[in-house]
Structure formats: structure tokens, C-alpha cells
Amino acid sequence: MVILVAVLGGVTLALVWTVVIHNRLIAMRQQVRNAWHQIDVQLKRRHDLIPNLVATVRAYLTHEQTTLERVTAARARAIQAADVRDAAAAEAGLSSALSRLTAVVESYPNLQANQSVRDLMEELRSTENRIGFARQQYNDSVMHFNTAIQVFPNRLIATRFDFTASPFFRMDAGDEAVPEVRP
């Protein structure tokens, strides 16, 4: 009788332990998904700003059509990104194209004097900051989740219920050269 109670107690304890870990991993996975959606909201905001910026500066930059076309093409690739890895690569390309456009805009005093251009550039800078904060939150959530599914004893539950690691959101600049700043 004592053995039966001990076995039932052990099975009950193992079941409760499994449910607690499983629910914790589900909550962490949901945090990762929520953090990704926060990035996605900011990326969509960025994508919506770009056509307005391009349209506003197009009249001033008739001889810079290649730069504007690169921004437009990079935006299209970013919008079509299917997952975190694709989005990171596409957004890195878009950031590169936008930095070129920003450099061009800054080299034209008449563009800098245009209130619409200044407002759009400020809105774009603000959005870039929001993307950075959202990306940091996402990557923190991914780190905690990936660690949780890899440590023992959580790994036993994670493997049994097919929890897989989430990718980090890395916007590598690729082989772009960092501009040199001279005083």
C-alpha cells in the first residue's frame, strides 16, 4: 500500500512538473511572438513612410533617380519578407539604401530647408529608434526562450513537445563600408 501511494505521488509530481514547464515554455514562446509583432508594426510604419519621402524628394533629385529606385526596390523586398531571417536581410538592405538617400538629402540645402522633408526625415529617425528598441526586446525574448528550451530538465519537455529555437533578428550591414567622419 505504501509503495502504491509513493508511486502515485511520484507520477503526480512528474505530471505537475511537466505541465508547469510546458506552460512556462508556451508563455515564453508567446513573448517571442509578441516581440516579433512589435518589430513588424514598426517595420510597417517605416515602409509606409518611405513612399512619402521618395515622392517628396523626387522633384529635387532628378539626377539621383538610381538612389530613389534602390530605396523603392529595397522597400519592396522588405515588404515581401516571409520570416524573421528574410526580414532581417531585407531590412538591412533597406537601411543601407535609406542611409544613401539620407546622405544625398543632407547634401542639398534646399531639401534640408523643406519642412515636409525635415518632418519625414525626423519621423523616419524616430521610427528607426523604435525599430531598434523593438529589436532589442525581441532578441532578449529569443535569448530567454532559447536558453529555457536548451537547459535540463526543460530540454526533456521541449524535445517531447517540439519546441524549437527562435532565430535572432540580426540586421547585418553586409559588406557596406562604414563612412569615415572627419572633423
C-alpha atoms as a PDB file:
ATOM      1  CA  MET A   1       0.000   0.000   0.000  1.00  0.00           C
ATOM      2  CA  VAL A   2       2.794   2.419   0.912  1.00  0.00           C
ATOM      3  CA  ILE A   3       4.561   1.575  -2.330  1.00  0.00           C
ATOM      4  CA  LEU A   4       1.396   2.273  -4.325  1.00  0.00           C
ATOM      5  CA  VAL A   5       0.950   5.686  -2.631  1.00  0.00           C
ATOM      6  CA  ALA A   6       4.633   6.506  -3.266  1.00  0.00           C
ATOM      7  CA  VAL A   7       4.334   5.544  -6.940  1.00  0.00           C
ATOM      8  CA  LEU A   8       1.117   7.536  -7.393  1.00  0.00           C
ATOM      9  CA  GLY A   9       2.705  10.513  -5.622  1.00  0.00           C
ATOM     10  CA  GLY A  10       5.766  10.292  -7.875  1.00  0.00           C
ATOM     11  CA  VAL A  11       3.650  10.081 -11.038  1.00  0.00           C
ATOM     12  CA  THR A  12       1.509  13.010  -9.886  1.00  0.00           C
ATOM     13  CA  LEU A  13       4.611  15.071  -9.088  1.00  0.00           C
ATOM     14  CA  ALA A  14       6.138  14.269 -12.508  1.00  0.00           C
ATOM     15  CA  LEU A  15       2.884  15.212 -14.250  1.00  0.00           C
ATOM     16  CA  VAL A  16       2.605  18.530 -12.384  1.00  0.00           C
ATOM     17  CA  TRP A  17       6.275  19.252 -13.121  1.00  0.00           C
ATOM     18  CA  THR A  18       5.720  18.551 -16.831  1.00  0.00           C
ATOM     19  CA  VAL A  19       2.652  20.807 -17.005  1.00  0.00           C
ATOM     20  CA  VAL A  20       4.415  23.662 -15.222  1.00  0.00           C
ATOM     21  CA  ILE A  21       7.452  23.550 -17.518  1.00  0.00           C
ATOM     22  CA  HIS A  22       5.283  23.125 -20.629  1.00  0.00           C
ATOM     23  CA  ASN A  23       3.122  26.127 -19.721  1.00  0.00           C
ATOM     24  CA  ARG A  24       6.192  28.235 -18.956  1.00  0.00           C
ATOM     25  CA  LEU A  25       7.702  27.393 -22.352  1.00  0.00           C
ATOM     26  CA  ILE A  26       4.438  28.249 -24.094  1.00  0.00           C
ATOM     27  CA  ALA A  27       4.347  31.616 -22.311  1.00  0.00           C
ATOM     28  CA  MET A  28       7.933  32.326 -23.348  1.00  0.00           C
ATOM     29  CA  ARG A  29       7.207  31.359 -26.961  1.00  0.00           C
ATOM     30  CA  GLN A  30       4.257  33.759 -26.926  1.00  0.00           C
ATOM     31  CA  GLN A  31       6.541  36.527 -25.621  1.00  0.00           C
ATOM     32  CA  VAL A  32       8.844  35.919 -28.596  1.00  0.00           C
ATOM     33  CA  ARG A  33       5.901  36.090 -31.000  1.00  0.00           C
ATOM     34  CA  ASN A  34       4.605  39.269 -29.376  1.00  0.00           C
ATOM     35  CA  ALA A  35       8.055  40.863 -29.560  1.00  0.00           C
ATOM     36  CA  TRP A  36       8.251  39.973 -33.274  1.00  0.00           C
ATOM     37  CA  HIS A  37       4.875  41.580 -33.874  1.00  0.00           C
ATOM     38  CA  GLN A  38       6.138  44.749 -32.195  1.00  0.00           C
ATOM     39  CA  ILE A  39       9.031  44.841 -34.664  1.00  0.00           C
ATOM     40  CA  ASP A  40       6.629  44.134 -37.506  1.00  0.00           C
ATOM     41  CA  VAL A  41       4.443  47.109 -36.535  1.00  0.00           C
ATOM     42  CA  GLN A  42       7.452  49.438 -36.623  1.00  0.00           C
ATOM     43  CA  LEU A  43       8.699  47.982 -39.907  1.00  0.00           C
ATOM     44  CA  LYS A  44       5.295  48.557 -41.496  1.00  0.00           C
ATOM     45  CA  ARG A  45       5.378  52.131 -40.209  1.00  0.00           C
ATOM     46  CA  ARG A  46       8.796  52.541 -41.811  1.00  0.00           C
ATOM     47  CA  HIS A  47       7.572  51.026 -45.069  1.00  0.00           C
ATOM     48  CA  ASP A  48       4.626  53.439 -45.111  1.00  0.00           C
ATOM     49  CA  LEU A  49       6.884  56.476 -44.636  1.00  0.00           C
ATOM     50  CA  ILE A  50       9.228  55.650 -47.496  1.00  0.00           C
ATOM     51  CA  PRO A  51       6.882  56.353 -50.458  1.00  0.00           C
ATOM     52  CA  ASN A  52       6.068  59.774 -48.991  1.00  0.00           C
ATOM     53  CA  LEU A  53       9.753  60.567 -48.560  1.00  0.00           C
ATOM     54  CA  VAL A  54      10.648  59.388 -52.067  1.00  0.00           C
ATOM     55  CA  ALA A  55       7.778  61.361 -53.600  1.00  0.00           C
ATOM     56  CA  THR A  56       8.754  64.494 -51.688  1.00  0.00           C
ATOM     57  CA  VAL A  57      12.430  64.444 -52.675  1.00  0.00           C
ATOM     58  CA  ARG A  58      11.934  63.162 -56.244  1.00  0.00           C
ATOM     59  CA  ALA A  59      11.360  66.657 -57.663  1.00  0.00           C
ATOM     60  CA  TYR A  60      14.618  67.909 -56.148  1.00  0.00           C
ATOM     61  CA  LEU A  61      16.708  64.874 -57.064  1.00  0.00           C
ATOM     62  CA  THR A  62      16.071  64.358 -60.753  1.00  0.00           C
ATOM     63  CA  HIS A  63      19.692  63.273 -61.311  1.00  0.00           C
ATOM     64  CA  GLU A  64      19.598  60.890 -58.297  1.00  0.00           C
ATOM     65  CA  GLN A  65      16.966  58.522 -59.698  1.00  0.00           C
ATOM     66  CA  THR A  66      19.179  55.481 -59.092  1.00  0.00           C
ATOM     67  CA  THR A  67      19.213  56.186 -55.352  1.00  0.00           C
ATOM     68  CA  LEU A  68      15.433  56.561 -55.289  1.00  0.00           C
ATOM     69  CA  GLU A  69      14.962  53.374 -57.319  1.00  0.00           C
ATOM     70  CA  ARG A  70      17.216  51.456 -54.899  1.00  0.00           C
ATOM     71  CA  VAL A  71      15.165  52.655 -51.938  1.00  0.00           C
ATOM     72  CA  THR A  72      11.919  51.687 -53.671  1.00  0.00           C
ATOM     73  CA  ALA A  73      13.247  48.247 -54.670  1.00  0.00           C
ATOM     74  CA  ALA A  74      14.647  47.606 -51.175  1.00  0.00           C
ATOM     75  CA  ARG A  75      11.281  48.568 -49.665  1.00  0.00           C
ATOM     76  CA  ALA A  76       9.505  46.107 -51.980  1.00  0.00           C
ATOM     77  CA  ARG A  77      11.877  43.305 -50.923  1.00  0.00           C
ATOM     78  CA  ALA A  78      11.342  44.170 -47.251  1.00  0.00           C
ATOM     79  CA  ILE A  79       7.568  44.094 -47.590  1.00  0.00           C
ATOM     80  CA  GLN A  80       7.709  40.644 -49.195  1.00  0.00           C
ATOM     81  CA  ALA A  81       9.914  39.099 -46.479  1.00  0.00           C
ATOM     82  CA  ALA A  82       8.390  35.850 -45.255  1.00  0.00           C
ATOM     83  CA  ASP A  83      10.047  35.218 -41.904  1.00  0.00           C
ATOM     84  CA  VAL A  84      12.467  36.708 -39.375  1.00  0.00           C
ATOM     85  CA  ARG A  85      15.601  35.762 -41.321  1.00  0.00           C
ATOM     86  CA  ASP A  86      14.250  37.109 -44.615  1.00  0.00           C
ATOM     87  CA  ALA A  87      13.018  40.264 -42.902  1.00  0.00           C
ATOM     88  CA  ALA A  88      16.400  40.876 -41.271  1.00  0.00           C
ATOM     89  CA  ALA A  89      18.239  40.555 -44.582  1.00  0.00           C
ATOM     90  CA  ALA A  90      15.723  42.702 -46.461  1.00  0.00           C
ATOM     91  CA  GLU A  91      15.651  45.356 -43.746  1.00  0.00           C
ATOM     92  CA  ALA A  92      19.456  45.531 -43.749  1.00  0.00           C
ATOM     93  CA  GLY A  93      19.305  46.276 -47.478  1.00  0.00           C
ATOM     94  CA  LEU A  94      16.601  48.874 -46.913  1.00  0.00           C
ATOM     95  CA  SER A  95      18.619  50.519 -44.132  1.00  0.00           C
ATOM     96  CA  SER A  96      21.603  50.725 -46.459  1.00  0.00           C
ATOM     97  CA  ALA A  97      19.522  52.284 -49.239  1.00  0.00           C
ATOM     98  CA  LEU A  98      17.937  54.742 -46.791  1.00  0.00           C
ATOM     99  CA  SER A  99      21.330  55.774 -45.440  1.00  0.00           C
ATOM    100  CA  ARG A 100      22.434  56.584 -49.000  1.00  0.00           C
ATOM    101  CA  LEU A 101      19.257  58.610 -49.522  1.00  0.00           C
ATOM    102  CA  THR A 102      19.814  60.424 -46.228  1.00  0.00           C
ATOM    103  CA  ALA A 103      23.343  61.324 -47.283  1.00  0.00           C
ATOM    104  CA  VAL A 104      22.035  62.675 -50.590  1.00  0.00           C
ATOM    105  CA  VAL A 105      19.284  64.683 -48.870  1.00  0.00           C
ATOM    106  CA  GLU A 106      21.798  66.163 -46.439  1.00  0.00           C
ATOM    107  CA  SER A 107      23.974  67.341 -49.303  1.00  0.00           C
ATOM    108  CA  TYR A 108      21.199  69.541 -50.724  1.00  0.00           C
ATOM    109  CA  PRO A 109      20.497  72.708 -48.668  1.00  0.00           C
ATOM    110  CA  ASN A 110      17.197  73.332 -50.464  1.00  0.00           C
ATOM    111  CA  LEU A 111      15.977  69.871 -49.400  1.00  0.00           C
ATOM    112  CA  GLN A 112      17.055  70.462 -45.817  1.00  0.00           C
ATOM    113  CA  ALA A 113      15.081  73.700 -45.840  1.00  0.00           C
ATOM    114  CA  ASN A 114      11.896  71.953 -46.999  1.00  0.00           C
ATOM    115  CA  GLN A 115       9.619  71.445 -43.968  1.00  0.00           C
ATOM    116  CA  SER A 116       7.977  68.318 -45.420  1.00  0.00           C
ATOM    117  CA  VAL A 117      11.354  66.674 -45.979  1.00  0.00           C
ATOM    118  CA  ARG A 118      12.522  67.626 -42.482  1.00  0.00           C
ATOM    119  CA  ASP A 119       9.319  66.233 -40.955  1.00  0.00           C
ATOM    120  CA  LEU A 120       9.580  62.976 -42.906  1.00  0.00           C
ATOM    121  CA  MET A 121      13.271  62.568 -42.045  1.00  0.00           C
ATOM    122  CA  GLU A 122      12.518  63.146 -38.356  1.00  0.00           C
ATOM    123  CA  GLU A 123       9.656  60.663 -38.482  1.00  0.00           C
ATOM    124  CA  LEU A 124      11.962  58.146 -40.156  1.00  0.00           C
ATOM    125  CA  ARG A 125      14.656  58.672 -37.482  1.00  0.00           C
ATOM    126  CA  SER A 126      12.056  58.198 -34.766  1.00  0.00           C
ATOM    127  CA  THR A 127      10.841  55.003 -36.416  1.00  0.00           C
ATOM    128  CA  GLU A 128      14.417  53.714 -36.730  1.00  0.00           C
ATOM    129  CA  ASN A 129      14.836  54.223 -32.974  1.00  0.00           C
ATOM    130  CA  ARG A 130      11.606  52.352 -32.295  1.00  0.00           C
ATOM    131  CA  ILE A 131      12.747  49.505 -34.522  1.00  0.00           C
ATOM    132  CA  GLY A 132      15.999  49.339 -32.571  1.00  0.00           C
ATOM    133  CA  PHE A 133      14.199  49.133 -29.232  1.00  0.00           C
ATOM    134  CA  ALA A 134      11.728  46.548 -30.535  1.00  0.00           C
ATOM    135  CA  ARG A 135      14.580  44.504 -32.000  1.00  0.00           C
ATOM    136  CA  GLN A 136      16.391  44.556 -28.669  1.00  0.00           C
ATOM    137  CA  GLN A 137      13.226  43.374 -26.869  1.00  0.00           C
ATOM    138  CA  TYR A 138      12.699  40.626 -29.437  1.00  0.00           C
ATOM    139  CA  ASN A 139      16.278  39.396 -29.211  1.00  0.00           C
ATOM    140  CA  ASP A 140      16.099  39.402 -25.391  1.00  0.00           C
ATOM    141  CA  SER A 141      12.909  37.312 -25.551  1.00  0.00           C
ATOM    142  CA  VAL A 142      14.522  34.936 -28.033  1.00  0.00           C
ATOM    143  CA  MET A 143      17.599  34.549 -25.831  1.00  0.00           C
ATOM    144  CA  HIS A 144      15.487  33.677 -22.761  1.00  0.00           C
ATOM    145  CA  PHE A 145      13.284  31.273 -24.716  1.00  0.00           C
ATOM    146  CA  ASN A 146      16.180  29.541 -26.494  1.00  0.00           C
ATOM    147  CA  THR A 147      18.030  29.166 -23.202  1.00  0.00           C
ATOM    148  CA  ALA A 148      14.918  27.766 -21.491  1.00  0.00           C
ATOM    149  CA  ILE A 149      14.418  25.051 -24.113  1.00  0.00           C
ATOM    150  CA  GLN A 150      18.072  24.022 -24.023  1.00  0.00           C
ATOM    151  CA  VAL A 151      18.679  23.622 -20.290  1.00  0.00           C
ATOM    152  CA  PHE A 152      17.995  20.469 -18.334  1.00  0.00           C
ATOM    153  CA  PRO A 153      15.312  19.459 -17.325  1.00  0.00           C
ATOM    154  CA  ASN A 154      13.327  21.789 -19.612  1.00  0.00           C
ATOM    155  CA  ARG A 155      15.016  20.176 -22.616  1.00  0.00           C
ATOM    156  CA  LEU A 156      13.162  16.938 -21.895  1.00  0.00           C
ATOM    157  CA  ILE A 157       9.794  18.684 -22.168  1.00  0.00           C
ATOM    158  CA  ALA A 158      10.853  20.963 -25.050  1.00  0.00           C
ATOM    159  CA  THR A 159      12.000  17.997 -27.132  1.00  0.00           C
ATOM    160  CA  ARG A 160       8.874  15.973 -26.354  1.00  0.00           C
ATOM    161  CA  PHE A 161       6.542  18.834 -27.379  1.00  0.00           C
ATOM    162  CA  ASP A 162       8.577  20.088 -30.374  1.00  0.00           C
ATOM    163  CA  PHE A 163       9.668  23.464 -29.041  1.00  0.00           C
ATOM    164  CA  THR A 164      12.318  24.783 -31.428  1.00  0.00           C
ATOM    165  CA  ALA A 165      14.756  27.643 -31.101  1.00  0.00           C
ATOM    166  CA  SER A 166      13.703  31.013 -32.498  1.00  0.00           C
ATOM    167  CA  PRO A 167      16.057  32.992 -34.756  1.00  0.00           C
ATOM    168  CA  PHE A 168      17.574  36.268 -33.628  1.00  0.00           C
ATOM    169  CA  PHE A 169      16.789  39.401 -35.623  1.00  0.00           C
ATOM    170  CA  ARG A 170      20.163  40.498 -36.972  1.00  0.00           C
ATOM    171  CA  MET A 171      20.402  43.339 -39.434  1.00  0.00           C
ATOM    172  CA  ASP A 172      23.905  42.793 -40.714  1.00  0.00           C
ATOM    173  CA  ALA A 173      25.181  45.667 -42.777  1.00  0.00           C
ATOM    174  CA  GLY A 174      26.856  43.186 -45.067  1.00  0.00           C
ATOM    175  CA  ASP A 175      29.935  44.447 -46.812  1.00  0.00           C
ATOM    176  CA  GLU A 176      28.942  48.101 -46.568  1.00  0.00           C
ATOM    177  CA  ALA A 177      31.814  50.328 -45.609  1.00  0.00           C
ATOM    178  CA  VAL A 178      31.361  52.465 -42.532  1.00  0.00           C
ATOM    179  CA  PRO A 179      31.575  56.124 -43.547  1.00  0.00           C
ATOM    180  CA  GLU A 180      34.605  57.955 -42.243  1.00  0.00           C
ATOM    181  CA  VAL A 181      33.837  61.100 -40.248  1.00  0.00           C
ATOM    182  CA  ARG A 182      36.374  63.876 -40.330  1.00  0.00           C
ATOM    183  CA  PRO A 183      36.324  66.947 -38.113  1.00  0.00           C
END
